[in-house]
């Protein structure tokens, strides 16, 4: 059975079966970048989804810390 998931671009809830199509159709211009870059992001998200909830939280915290660091 499909689970509800949030679109990582707009935050709206969708069935896990339909979120990929939604992102491709509704956010095409926002997803930009090279196909190699998109493939890297896809791989990262797939790996993230295999993590336990605890490790997902840890990854999000680390990414938030990186965002806060001055350039």
Protein backbone atom coordinates (compact mmCIF):
# COMPACT_ATOMS: atom_id res chain seq x y z
CA UNK A 1 0.00 0.00 0.00
CA UNK A 2 1.31 3.45 -0.88
CA UNK A 3 2.28 5.74 1.98
CA UNK A 4 1.73 9.50 2.18
CA UNK A 5 4.95 11.44 1.59
CA UNK A 6 5.81 15.12 1.30
CA UNK A 7 7.13 16.67 -1.87
CA UNK A 8 10.60 17.93 -1.00
CA UNK A 9 10.10 20.95 -3.29
CA UNK A 10 6.70 22.31 -2.19
CA UNK A 11 5.94 20.31 0.96
CA UNK A 12 2.51 19.07 -0.15
CA UNK A 13 1.39 15.53 0.73
CA UNK A 14 1.15 12.93 -2.03
CA UNK A 15 0.94 9.19 -2.34
CA UNK A 16 4.41 7.67 -2.54
CA UNK A 17 3.32 6.23 -5.88
CA UNK A 18 2.63 9.68 -7.34
CA UNK A 19 5.14 12.07 -5.77
CA UNK A 20 7.79 11.47 -8.47
CA UNK A 21 5.35 12.32 -11.24
CA UNK A 22 4.17 15.37 -9.31
CA UNK A 23 7.73 16.66 -8.92
CA UNK A 24 8.57 16.02 -12.55
CA UNK A 25 5.45 17.76 -13.84
CA UNK A 26 4.89 20.53 -11.28
CA UNK A 27 8.47 21.50 -10.46
CA UNK A 28 10.36 20.85 -13.67
CA UNK A 29 11.91 24.32 -13.83
CA UNK A 30 12.80 24.28 -10.12
CA UNK A 31 14.62 20.96 -10.35
CA UNK A 32 17.02 22.28 -13.03
CA UNK A 33 20.71 21.46 -13.09
CA UNK A 34 22.50 18.92 -15.16
CA UNK A 35 21.24 15.38 -15.44
CA UNK A 36 24.38 14.20 -13.59
CA UNK A 37 23.54 16.57 -10.73
CA UNK A 38 19.94 15.33 -10.63
CA UNK A 39 21.20 11.74 -10.59
CA UNK A 40 23.42 12.53 -7.60
CA UNK A 41 20.52 14.08 -5.72
CA UNK A 42 18.32 11.10 -6.56
CA UNK A 43 20.98 8.71 -5.25
CA UNK A 44 21.35 10.73 -2.04
CA UNK A 45 17.61 10.70 -1.45
CA UNK A 46 17.40 6.97 -2.09
CA UNK A 47 20.18 6.35 0.43
CA UNK A 48 18.53 8.70 2.94
CA UNK A 49 15.27 6.76 2.66
CA UNK A 50 17.05 3.54 3.63
CA UNK A 51 18.21 5.01 6.96
CA UNK A 52 16.47 4.47 10.27
CA UNK A 53 14.39 7.37 11.60
CA UNK A 54 17.12 8.15 14.13
CA UNK A 55 19.83 8.34 11.48
CA UNK A 56 17.57 10.40 9.20
CA UNK A 57 17.25 12.96 12.01
CA UNK A 58 21.03 12.91 12.48
CA UNK A 59 21.60 13.56 8.76
CA UNK A 60 19.09 16.42 8.75
CA UNK A 61 20.81 18.00 11.76
CA UNK A 62 24.20 17.73 10.06
CA UNK A 63 22.84 19.29 6.87
CA UNK A 64 21.29 22.11 8.89
CA UNK A 65 24.67 22.72 10.54
CA UNK A 66 26.34 22.91 7.13
CA UNK A 67 23.73 25.46 5.99
CA UNK A 68 24.49 27.63 9.05
CA UNK A 69 28.26 27.73 8.47
CA UNK A 70 29.55 30.98 6.96
CA UNK A 71 31.05 30.63 3.50
